[in-house]
Amino acid sequence: MRKFCVAGAALAVMFVFAGAAGAIVYGEPDGEGHPNVGALLAPQAYSDGTWAGCSGTLIAPSVFLTAEHCDFGVDRIAVTFASTYVAGKSKAYWGTWHGDPLYSGAQGDPHDIAVVVLDKAVSGITPAQLPSAGSLSSLPDGQSFTSVGYGAQSVTVDHGPTFHYADTRFVATSDTLLATNKVWLRISMNPSLGDGGTCYGDSGGPNFLGAGTTETDIVAAITITGDFMCRATNVDYRLDTTSARTFLQQFVALP
C-alpha cells in the first residue's frame, strides 16, 4: 500500500489535480463490478512498489479513456483491468498514448482528456458507453453517480495528511450533484451526506451516470480534480461537450 504524505504549505491548496498520485474514498472494493475500468500503470513502480498512477475506462475494444494530466511523458504505456494489480502476475495491455493537443489545465476548458490506443483489442470485457451530445446539460440536483478508480482509499492525519494506496479498484456512489457548468460536473463526496467519491490516483477514471439500480454503463465524466482532503467535492470533465467529442471522435464512434 502506497502512503503519500503532504504537509506544510501544501495544506493551503484548495483544489489539486488528482493524477499520478490518487483513489476512491468512502467506498468499497469493486471486485468484478466494473471490469471495463482499469489502471494506467506508471512506467516505474512508486517507492513502495505500487504501480497504478491513474485510472481510466475501456470505451472501445482497443481504446482506453483517461485524463491528459496523467501523461507520464512516454509514448508507450500499459494498462491493466485486474481488480487488484500484482506486478508480474496481472495481465497488462500495451498501447500508444494520445492526449488532446489543446490541453492547457485552464479551469475554463482544460481539454484534460486522453486515450491509450491498445495494440490489440481486449476480449471478454464489454466497453462502457459515452453520453450523447449535450445530454448532461439539465441533470437534476438529485442525479446519482458511481465513481470507480484505483486511487487512494483512505486519508489519515498525523503531522500532515497521508493518502493510502493499494493498486485495487474501488467504487463509491453519490446522490448529490452540486453544480453543472460548461465543461464540469461538481459532485458531492461528503460522507456526512452519505456520499463517496474520488481522491488522488482516480484521475481519468469514470463517473457513471446513476447508482445502484439506476446505474448505467454511460461514462458521464472523467475525474480531474477535487478538494485537498478528498471529502467534499469531486470535479469531473464532461464527455458530452463539443470539445470532448471533437477529440474522442478521432478514436471511437460517438452516440
C-alpha atoms as a PDB file:
ATOM      1  CA  MET A   1       0.000   0.000   0.000  1.00  0.00           C
ATOM      2  CA  ARG A   2       1.387   3.369  -1.007  1.00  0.00           C
ATOM      3  CA  LYS A   3       1.375   6.076   1.660  1.00  0.00           C
ATOM      4  CA  PHE A   4       1.593   9.548   0.164  1.00  0.00           C
ATOM      5  CA  CYS A   5       2.084  12.273   2.815  1.00  0.00           C
ATOM      6  CA  VAL A   6       1.573  16.005   2.325  1.00  0.00           C
ATOM      7  CA  ALA A   7       2.308  18.633   4.963  1.00  0.00           C
ATOM      8  CA  GLY A   8       3.133  22.298   5.476  1.00  0.00           C
ATOM      9  CA  ALA A   9       2.243  24.928   2.877  1.00  0.00           C
ATOM     10  CA  ALA A  10       0.529  22.382   0.636  1.00  0.00           C
ATOM     11  CA  LEU A  11      -2.366  22.276   3.087  1.00  0.00           C
ATOM     12  CA  ALA A  12      -3.418  25.696   1.871  1.00  0.00           C
ATOM     13  CA  VAL A  13      -4.220  24.364  -1.603  1.00  0.00           C
ATOM     14  CA  MET A  14      -7.984  24.246  -2.209  1.00  0.00           C
ATOM     15  CA  PHE A  15      -8.052  22.201  -5.422  1.00  0.00           C
ATOM     16  CA  VAL A  16      -5.352  19.918  -6.784  1.00  0.00           C
ATOM     17  CA  PHE A  17      -5.154  17.627  -9.782  1.00  0.00           C
ATOM     18  CA  ALA A  18      -5.792  14.032  -8.818  1.00  0.00           C
ATOM     19  CA  GLY A  19      -3.491  12.331 -11.294  1.00  0.00           C
ATOM     20  CA  ALA A  20      -0.252  10.331 -10.920  1.00  0.00           C
ATOM     21  CA  ALA A  21      -0.789  10.360  -7.207  1.00  0.00           C
ATOM     22  CA  GLY A  22      -4.914   9.424  -6.248  1.00  0.00           C
ATOM     23  CA  ALA A  23      -8.402   6.813  -5.058  1.00  0.00           C
ATOM     24  CA  ILE A  24     -11.961   6.147  -4.202  1.00  0.00           C
ATOM     25  CA  VAL A  25     -12.857   7.167  -0.635  1.00  0.00           C
ATOM     26  CA  TYR A  26     -15.916   6.251   1.433  1.00  0.00           C
ATOM     27  CA  GLY A  27     -16.419   3.336  -0.938  1.00  0.00           C
ATOM     28  CA  GLU A  28     -15.643  -0.371  -1.108  1.00  0.00           C
ATOM     29  CA  PRO A  29     -13.611  -2.817  -3.214  1.00  0.00           C
ATOM     30  CA  ASP A  30     -15.197  -3.145  -6.649  1.00  0.00           C
ATOM     31  CA  GLY A  31     -14.247  -6.764  -7.287  1.00  0.00           C
ATOM     32  CA  GLU A  32     -15.593  -7.552 -10.762  1.00  0.00           C
ATOM     33  CA  GLY A  33     -18.351  -4.962 -10.603  1.00  0.00           C
ATOM     34  CA  HIS A  34     -16.788  -2.741 -13.279  1.00  0.00           C
ATOM     35  CA  PRO A  35     -14.379  -4.875 -15.330  1.00  0.00           C
ATOM     36  CA  ASN A  36     -14.063  -2.171 -18.015  1.00  0.00           C
ATOM     37  CA  VAL A  37     -12.395   0.207 -15.534  1.00  0.00           C
ATOM     38  CA  GLY A  38      -8.626  -0.091 -15.487  1.00  0.00           C
ATOM     39  CA  ALA A  39      -5.442   1.459 -14.157  1.00  0.00           C
ATOM     40  CA  LEU A  40      -2.808   3.356 -16.076  1.00  0.00           C
ATOM     41  CA  LEU A  41       0.457   1.758 -14.984  1.00  0.00           C
ATOM     42  CA  ALA A  42       3.368   4.008 -14.108  1.00  0.00           C
ATOM     43  CA  PRO A  43       6.468   3.244 -16.222  1.00  0.00           C
ATOM     44  CA  GLN A  44       8.272   2.507 -12.946  1.00  0.00           C
ATOM     45  CA  ALA A  45       6.797   1.473  -9.617  1.00  0.00           C
ATOM     46  CA  TYR A  46       6.452   4.066  -6.886  1.00  0.00           C
ATOM     47  CA  SER A  47       8.899   3.796  -3.987  1.00  0.00           C
ATOM     48  CA  ASP A  48       6.586   1.461  -2.042  1.00  0.00           C
ATOM     49  CA  GLY A  49       6.077  -0.833  -5.032  1.00  0.00           C
ATOM     50  CA  THR A  50       2.630   0.283  -6.189  1.00  0.00           C
ATOM     51  CA  TRP A  51       2.048   0.812  -9.914  1.00  0.00           C
ATOM     52  CA  ALA A  52      -1.371   2.389 -10.514  1.00  0.00           C
ATOM     53  CA  GLY A  53      -0.769   6.029 -11.447  1.00  0.00           C
ATOM     54  CA  CYS A  54      -4.195   6.980 -12.803  1.00  0.00           C
ATOM     55  CA  SER A  55      -7.477   5.342 -13.723  1.00  0.00           C
ATOM     56  CA  GLY A  56      -9.490   5.010 -16.924  1.00  0.00           C
ATOM     57  CA  THR A  57     -12.158   3.167 -18.861  1.00  0.00           C
ATOM     58  CA  LEU A  58     -12.320   0.890 -21.891  1.00  0.00           C
ATOM     59  CA  ILE A  59     -14.668   2.735 -24.301  1.00  0.00           C
ATOM     60  CA  ALA A  60     -13.975   0.587 -27.383  1.00  0.00           C
ATOM     61  CA  PRO A  61     -12.285  -2.813 -27.704  1.00  0.00           C
ATOM     62  CA  SER A  62      -8.894  -1.134 -28.196  1.00  0.00           C
ATOM     63  CA  VAL A  63      -9.424   2.372 -26.738  1.00  0.00           C
ATOM     64  CA  PHE A  64      -8.779   3.260 -23.085  1.00  0.00           C
ATOM     65  CA  LEU A  65     -10.030   6.674 -21.920  1.00  0.00           C
ATOM     66  CA  THR A  66      -8.180   8.678 -19.259  1.00  0.00           C
ATOM     67  CA  ALA A  67      -7.017  12.238 -18.435  1.00  0.00           C
ATOM     68  CA  GLU A  68      -4.263  14.143 -20.233  1.00  0.00           C
ATOM     69  CA  HIS A  69      -2.667  15.346 -16.988  1.00  0.00           C
ATOM     70  CA  CYS A  70      -1.883  11.670 -16.328  1.00  0.00           C
ATOM     71  CA  ASP A  71       0.741  11.818 -19.097  1.00  0.00           C
ATOM     72  CA  PHE A  72       3.939  10.153 -17.849  1.00  0.00           C
ATOM     73  CA  GLY A  73       5.944  11.633 -20.728  1.00  0.00           C
ATOM     74  CA  VAL A  74       6.197   8.381 -22.669  1.00  0.00           C
ATOM     75  CA  ASP A  75       4.591   7.357 -25.966  1.00  0.00           C
ATOM     76  CA  ARG A  76       4.112   3.738 -24.970  1.00  0.00           C
ATOM     77  CA  ILE A  77       2.147   2.879 -21.823  1.00  0.00           C
ATOM     78  CA  ALA A  78       0.466  -0.151 -20.240  1.00  0.00           C
ATOM     79  CA  VAL A  79      -2.932  -0.521 -18.606  1.00  0.00           C
ATOM     80  CA  THR A  80      -4.487  -3.290 -16.541  1.00  0.00           C
ATOM     81  CA  PHE A  81      -8.069  -4.305 -15.786  1.00  0.00           C
ATOM     82  CA  ALA A  82      -7.167  -6.521 -12.818  1.00  0.00           C
ATOM     83  CA  SER A  83      -9.314  -5.680  -9.795  1.00  0.00           C
ATOM     84  CA  THR A  84      -6.069  -5.784  -7.795  1.00  0.00           C
ATOM     85  CA  TYR A  85      -2.901  -5.372  -9.809  1.00  0.00           C
ATOM     86  CA  VAL A  86       0.090  -7.575  -8.943  1.00  0.00           C
ATOM     87  CA  ALA A  87       3.242  -6.806 -10.909  1.00  0.00           C
ATOM     88  CA  GLY A  88       4.441  -9.769 -12.956  1.00  0.00           C
ATOM     89  CA  LYS A  89       1.193 -11.686 -12.436  1.00  0.00           C
ATOM     90  CA  SER A  90      -1.710  -9.498 -13.540  1.00  0.00           C
ATOM     91  CA  LYS A  91      -2.316  -9.071 -17.253  1.00  0.00           C
ATOM     92  CA  ALA A  92      -1.274  -5.772 -18.788  1.00  0.00           C
ATOM     93  CA  TYR A  93      -2.166  -4.324 -22.193  1.00  0.00           C
ATOM     94  CA  TRP A  94       0.266  -2.073 -24.049  1.00  0.00           C
ATOM     95  CA  GLY A  95      -0.702   0.795 -26.266  1.00  0.00           C
ATOM     96  CA  THR A  96       0.140   4.255 -27.591  1.00  0.00           C
ATOM     97  CA  TRP A  97      -0.666   7.488 -25.735  1.00  0.00           C
ATOM     98  CA  HIS A  98      -2.742  10.185 -27.445  1.00  0.00           C
ATOM     99  CA  GLY A  99      -3.502  13.360 -25.486  1.00  0.00           C
ATOM    100  CA  ASP A 100      -5.636  16.300 -26.524  1.00  0.00           C
ATOM    101  CA  PRO A 101      -3.145  18.740 -28.131  1.00  0.00           C
ATOM    102  CA  LEU A 102      -5.241  21.646 -26.796  1.00  0.00           C
ATOM    103  CA  TYR A 103      -4.632  20.637 -23.168  1.00  0.00           C
ATOM    104  CA  SER A 104      -3.786  23.646 -21.002  1.00  0.00           C
ATOM    105  CA  GLY A 105      -5.002  22.872 -17.482  1.00  0.00           C
ATOM    106  CA  ALA A 106      -7.135  26.029 -17.554  1.00  0.00           C
ATOM    107  CA  GLN A 107     -10.283  25.881 -15.425  1.00  0.00           C
ATOM    108  CA  GLY A 108     -12.475  27.238 -18.241  1.00  0.00           C
ATOM    109  CA  ASP A 109     -11.877  24.244 -20.521  1.00  0.00           C
ATOM    110  CA  PRO A 110      -8.649  22.368 -19.825  1.00  0.00           C
ATOM    111  CA  HIS A 111      -9.099  19.818 -22.651  1.00  0.00           C
ATOM    112  CA  ASP A 112      -7.894  17.359 -19.996  1.00  0.00           C
ATOM    113  CA  ILE A 113      -8.639  14.193 -21.923  1.00  0.00           C
ATOM    114  CA  ALA A 114      -6.522  11.429 -23.445  1.00  0.00           C
ATOM    115  CA  VAL A 115      -6.732   7.882 -24.741  1.00  0.00           C
ATOM    116  CA  VAL A 116      -4.432   4.909 -24.982  1.00  0.00           C
ATOM    117  CA  VAL A 117      -4.933   3.082 -28.276  1.00  0.00           C
ATOM    118  CA  LEU A 118      -4.160  -0.501 -27.368  1.00  0.00           C
ATOM    119  CA  ASP A 119      -2.095  -2.729 -29.637  1.00  0.00           C
ATOM    120  CA  LYS A 120      -4.743  -5.454 -29.512  1.00  0.00           C
ATOM    121  CA  ALA A 121      -8.459  -5.431 -28.815  1.00  0.00           C
ATOM    122  CA  VAL A 122      -9.401  -6.512 -25.292  1.00  0.00           C
ATOM    123  CA  SER A 123     -11.563  -9.616 -25.328  1.00  0.00           C
ATOM    124  CA  GLY A 124     -14.046 -10.643 -22.649  1.00  0.00           C
ATOM    125  CA  ILE A 125     -14.704  -7.079 -21.412  1.00  0.00           C
ATOM    126  CA  THR A 126     -17.642  -5.014 -22.646  1.00  0.00           C
ATOM    127  CA  PRO A 127     -16.644  -1.374 -23.248  1.00  0.00           C
ATOM    128  CA  ALA A 128     -18.512   1.418 -21.464  1.00  0.00           C
ATOM    129  CA  GLN A 129     -20.679   3.870 -23.371  1.00  0.00           C
ATOM    130  CA  LEU A 130     -20.262   7.602 -23.941  1.00  0.00           C
ATOM    131  CA  PRO A 131     -23.035  10.186 -23.485  1.00  0.00           C
ATOM    132  CA  SER A 132     -24.775  11.793 -26.430  1.00  0.00           C
ATOM    133  CA  ALA A 133     -24.072  15.432 -27.287  1.00  0.00           C
ATOM    134  CA  GLY A 134     -25.360  17.873 -24.684  1.00  0.00           C
ATOM    135  CA  SER A 135     -27.172  15.180 -22.724  1.00  0.00           C
ATOM    136  CA  LEU A 136     -25.765  16.250 -19.338  1.00  0.00           C
ATOM    137  CA  SER A 137     -26.793  19.895 -19.502  1.00  0.00           C
ATOM    138  CA  SER A 138     -30.024  19.588 -17.491  1.00  0.00           C
ATOM    139  CA  LEU A 139     -29.346  16.916 -14.891  1.00  0.00           C
ATOM    140  CA  PRO A 140     -31.421  17.160 -11.674  1.00  0.00           C
ATOM    141  CA  ASP A 141     -29.803  18.039  -8.331  1.00  0.00           C
ATOM    142  CA  GLY A 142     -30.564  14.531  -7.114  1.00  0.00           C
ATOM    143  CA  GLN A 143     -28.778  12.832 -10.004  1.00  0.00           C
ATOM    144  CA  SER A 144     -26.692   9.938  -8.717  1.00  0.00           C
ATOM    145  CA  PHE A 145     -23.254   8.851  -9.935  1.00  0.00           C
ATOM    146  CA  THR A 146     -20.961   5.879  -9.486  1.00  0.00           C
ATOM    147  CA  SER A 147     -17.237   6.659  -9.289  1.00  0.00           C
ATOM    148  CA  VAL A 148     -14.649   3.944  -9.921  1.00  0.00           C
ATOM    149  CA  GLY A 149     -10.869   4.046  -9.734  1.00  0.00           C
ATOM    150  CA  TYR A 150      -7.571   2.850  -8.312  1.00  0.00           C
ATOM    151  CA  GLY A 151      -6.693   5.952  -6.259  1.00  0.00           C
ATOM    152  CA  ALA A 152      -6.248   6.446  -2.509  1.00  0.00           C
ATOM    153  CA  GLN A 153      -8.795   4.545  -0.438  1.00  0.00           C
ATOM    154  CA  SER A 154      -8.310   6.486   2.774  1.00  0.00           C
ATOM    155  CA  VAL A 155      -6.735   9.584   4.296  1.00  0.00           C
ATOM    156  CA  THR A 156      -5.222   9.764   7.780  1.00  0.00           C
ATOM    157  CA  VAL A 157      -3.838  12.821   9.557  1.00  0.00           C
ATOM    158  CA  ASP A 158      -0.804  12.903  11.848  1.00  0.00           C
ATOM    159  CA  HIS A 159       1.751  15.652  11.199  1.00  0.00           C
ATOM    160  CA  GLY A 160       0.095  16.013   7.802  1.00  0.00           C
ATOM    161  CA  PRO A 161      -2.420  14.100   5.692  1.00  0.00           C
ATOM    162  CA  THR A 162      -1.337  10.689   4.438  1.00  0.00           C
ATOM    163  CA  PHE A 163      -3.045   9.112   1.426  1.00  0.00           C
ATOM    164  CA  HIS A 164      -3.122   5.284   1.338  1.00  0.00           C
ATOM    165  CA  TYR A 165      -2.997   3.245  -1.901  1.00  0.00           C
ATOM    166  CA  ALA A 166      -3.194  -0.458  -2.731  1.00  0.00           C
ATOM    167  CA  ASP A 167      -3.427  -0.873  -6.565  1.00  0.00           C
ATOM    168  CA  THR A 168      -7.022  -2.036  -6.027  1.00  0.00           C
ATOM    169  CA  ARG A 169     -10.130  -0.932  -7.908  1.00  0.00           C
ATOM    170  CA  PHE A 170     -12.694   0.702  -5.602  1.00  0.00           C
ATOM    171  CA  VAL A 171     -16.216   2.007  -6.159  1.00  0.00           C
ATOM    172  CA  ALA A 172     -18.293   4.705  -4.432  1.00  0.00           C
ATOM    173  CA  THR A 173     -21.611   6.418  -5.084  1.00  0.00           C
ATOM    174  CA  SER A 174     -23.049   9.904  -4.667  1.00  0.00           C
ATOM    175  CA  ASP A 175     -26.648  11.114  -4.826  1.00  0.00           C
ATOM    176  CA  THR A 176     -25.812  14.823  -4.787  1.00  0.00           C
ATOM    177  CA  LEU A 177     -24.981  16.802  -7.916  1.00  0.00           C
ATOM    178  CA  LEU A 178     -23.708  20.152  -6.657  1.00  0.00           C
ATOM    179  CA  ALA A 179     -23.331  22.029  -9.936  1.00  0.00           C
ATOM    180  CA  THR A 180     -23.136  21.697 -13.713  1.00  0.00           C
ATOM    181  CA  ASN A 181     -21.375  24.196 -15.939  1.00  0.00           C
ATOM    182  CA  LYS A 182     -19.994  24.350 -19.476  1.00  0.00           C
ATOM    183  CA  VAL A 183     -17.438  21.558 -19.078  1.00  0.00           C
ATOM    184  CA  TRP A 184     -17.616  20.399 -15.435  1.00  0.00           C
ATOM    185  CA  LEU A 185     -19.780  18.310 -13.156  1.00  0.00           C
ATOM    186  CA  ARG A 186     -19.243  19.014  -9.467  1.00  0.00           C
ATOM    187  CA  ILE A 187     -20.428  16.042  -7.424  1.00  0.00           C
ATOM    188  CA  SER A 188     -20.624  15.742  -3.634  1.00  0.00           C
ATOM    189  CA  MET A 189     -18.393  13.195  -1.953  1.00  0.00           C
ATOM    190  CA  ASN A 190     -19.228  14.403   1.551  1.00  0.00           C
ATOM    191  CA  PRO A 191     -19.560  11.376   3.867  1.00  0.00           C
ATOM    192  CA  SER A 192     -21.901  13.321   6.178  1.00  0.00           C
ATOM    193  CA  LEU A 193     -24.390  13.291   3.283  1.00  0.00           C
ATOM    194  CA  GLY A 194     -23.828   9.597   2.673  1.00  0.00           C
ATOM    195  CA  ASP A 195     -21.756  10.312  -0.440  1.00  0.00           C
ATOM    196  CA  GLY A 196     -18.428   8.854  -1.507  1.00  0.00           C
ATOM    197  CA  GLY A 197     -16.105   9.865  -4.305  1.00  0.00           C
ATOM    198  CA  THR A 198     -12.615  10.189  -5.667  1.00  0.00           C
ATOM    199  CA  CYS A 199      -9.102  11.017  -4.494  1.00  0.00           C
ATOM    200  CA  TYR A 200      -5.535  11.187  -5.797  1.00  0.00           C
ATOM    201  CA  GLY A 201      -4.955   8.446  -8.397  1.00  0.00           C
ATOM    202  CA  ASP A 202      -8.579   8.286  -9.553  1.00  0.00           C
ATOM    203  CA  SER A 203      -7.824  10.871 -12.240  1.00  0.00           C
ATOM    204  CA  GLY A 204      -9.086   9.819 -15.645  1.00  0.00           C
ATOM    205  CA  GLY A 205     -11.454   7.305 -14.093  1.00  0.00           C
ATOM    206  CA  PRO A 206     -15.176   7.162 -14.833  1.00  0.00           C
ATOM    207  CA  ASN A 207     -18.177   8.674 -13.135  1.00  0.00           C
ATOM    208  CA  PHE A 208     -21.008   6.516 -14.400  1.00  0.00           C
ATOM    209  CA  LEU A 209     -24.465   8.029 -14.712  1.00  0.00           C
ATOM    210  CA  GLY A 210     -26.686   6.599 -11.984  1.00  0.00           C
ATOM    211  CA  ALA A 211     -26.048   4.418  -8.948  1.00  0.00           C
ATOM    212  CA  GLY A 212     -27.425   1.175  -7.561  1.00  0.00           C
ATOM    213  CA  THR A 213     -30.483   0.057  -9.505  1.00  0.00           C
ATOM    214  CA  THR A 214     -30.307   3.189 -11.688  1.00  0.00           C
ATOM    215  CA  GLU A 215     -26.646   2.835 -12.662  1.00  0.00           C
ATOM    216  CA  THR A 216     -25.953   2.856 -16.391  1.00  0.00           C
ATOM    217  CA  ASP A 217     -22.860   1.993 -18.413  1.00  0.00           C
ATOM    218  CA  ILE A 218     -22.603   5.617 -19.586  1.00  0.00           C
ATOM    219  CA  VAL A 219     -19.438   7.458 -18.512  1.00  0.00           C
ATOM    220  CA  ALA A 220     -20.828  10.929 -17.884  1.00  0.00           C
ATOM    221  CA  ALA A 221     -17.484  12.499 -16.958  1.00  0.00           C
ATOM    222  CA  ILE A 222     -13.910  11.641 -16.051  1.00  0.00           C
ATOM    223  CA  THR A 223     -12.338  12.531 -12.713  1.00  0.00           C
ATOM    224  CA  ILE A 224      -9.978  15.508 -12.876  1.00  0.00           C
ATOM    225  CA  THR A 225      -9.682  17.246  -9.504  1.00  0.00           C
ATOM    226  CA  GLY A 226     -11.343  17.908  -6.137  1.00  0.00           C
ATOM    227  CA  ASP A 227     -10.717  19.226  -2.660  1.00  0.00           C
ATOM    228  CA  PHE A 228      -7.373  18.609  -0.992  1.00  0.00           C
ATOM    229  CA  MET A 229      -8.588  16.174   1.677  1.00  0.00           C
ATOM    230  CA  CYS A 230     -10.837  14.128  -0.645  1.00  0.00           C
ATOM    231  CA  ARG A 231     -14.019  14.605   1.362  1.00  0.00           C
ATOM    232  CA  ALA A 232     -16.056  17.426  -0.199  1.00  0.00           C
ATOM    233  CA  THR A 233     -16.255  17.749  -3.989  1.00  0.00           C
ATOM    234  CA  ASN A 234     -15.434  15.510  -6.947  1.00  0.00           C
ATOM    235  CA  VAL A 235     -14.798  17.723 -10.015  1.00  0.00           C
ATOM    236  CA  ASP A 236     -15.209  15.930 -13.350  1.00  0.00           C
ATOM    237  CA  TYR A 237     -14.754  16.720 -17.045  1.00  0.00           C
ATOM    238  CA  ARG A 238     -17.964  16.271 -19.037  1.00  0.00           C
ATOM    239  CA  LEU A 239     -17.843  13.964 -22.054  1.00  0.00           C
ATOM    240  CA  ASP A 240     -20.949  15.323 -23.808  1.00  0.00           C
ATOM    241  CA  THR A 241     -19.357  18.652 -24.760  1.00  0.00           C
ATOM    242  CA  THR A 242     -18.170  19.729 -28.198  1.00  0.00           C
ATOM    243  CA  SER A 243     -14.536  19.870 -27.076  1.00  0.00           C
ATOM    244  CA  ALA A 244     -14.534  16.373 -25.561  1.00  0.00           C
ATOM    245  CA  ARG A 245     -16.400  14.889 -28.523  1.00  0.00           C
ATOM    246  CA  THR A 246     -14.129  16.587 -31.058  1.00  0.00           C
ATOM    247  CA  PHE A 247     -11.167  14.805 -29.509  1.00  0.00           C
ATOM    248  CA  LEU A 248     -12.893  11.449 -28.968  1.00  0.00           C
ATOM    249  CA  GLN A 249     -14.347  11.166 -32.485  1.00  0.00           C
ATOM    250  CA  GLN A 250     -10.832  10.561 -33.795  1.00  0.00           C
ATOM    251  CA  PHE A 251     -10.750   7.246 -31.942  1.00  0.00           C
ATOM    252  CA  VAL A 252     -14.308   5.967 -31.368  1.00  0.00           C
ATOM    253  CA  ALA A 253     -17.765   6.149 -32.924  1.00  0.00           C
ATOM    254  CA  LEU A 254     -19.858   8.621 -30.905  1.00  0.00           C
ATOM    255  CA  PRO A 255     -23.521   8.268 -29.972  1.00  0.00           C
END
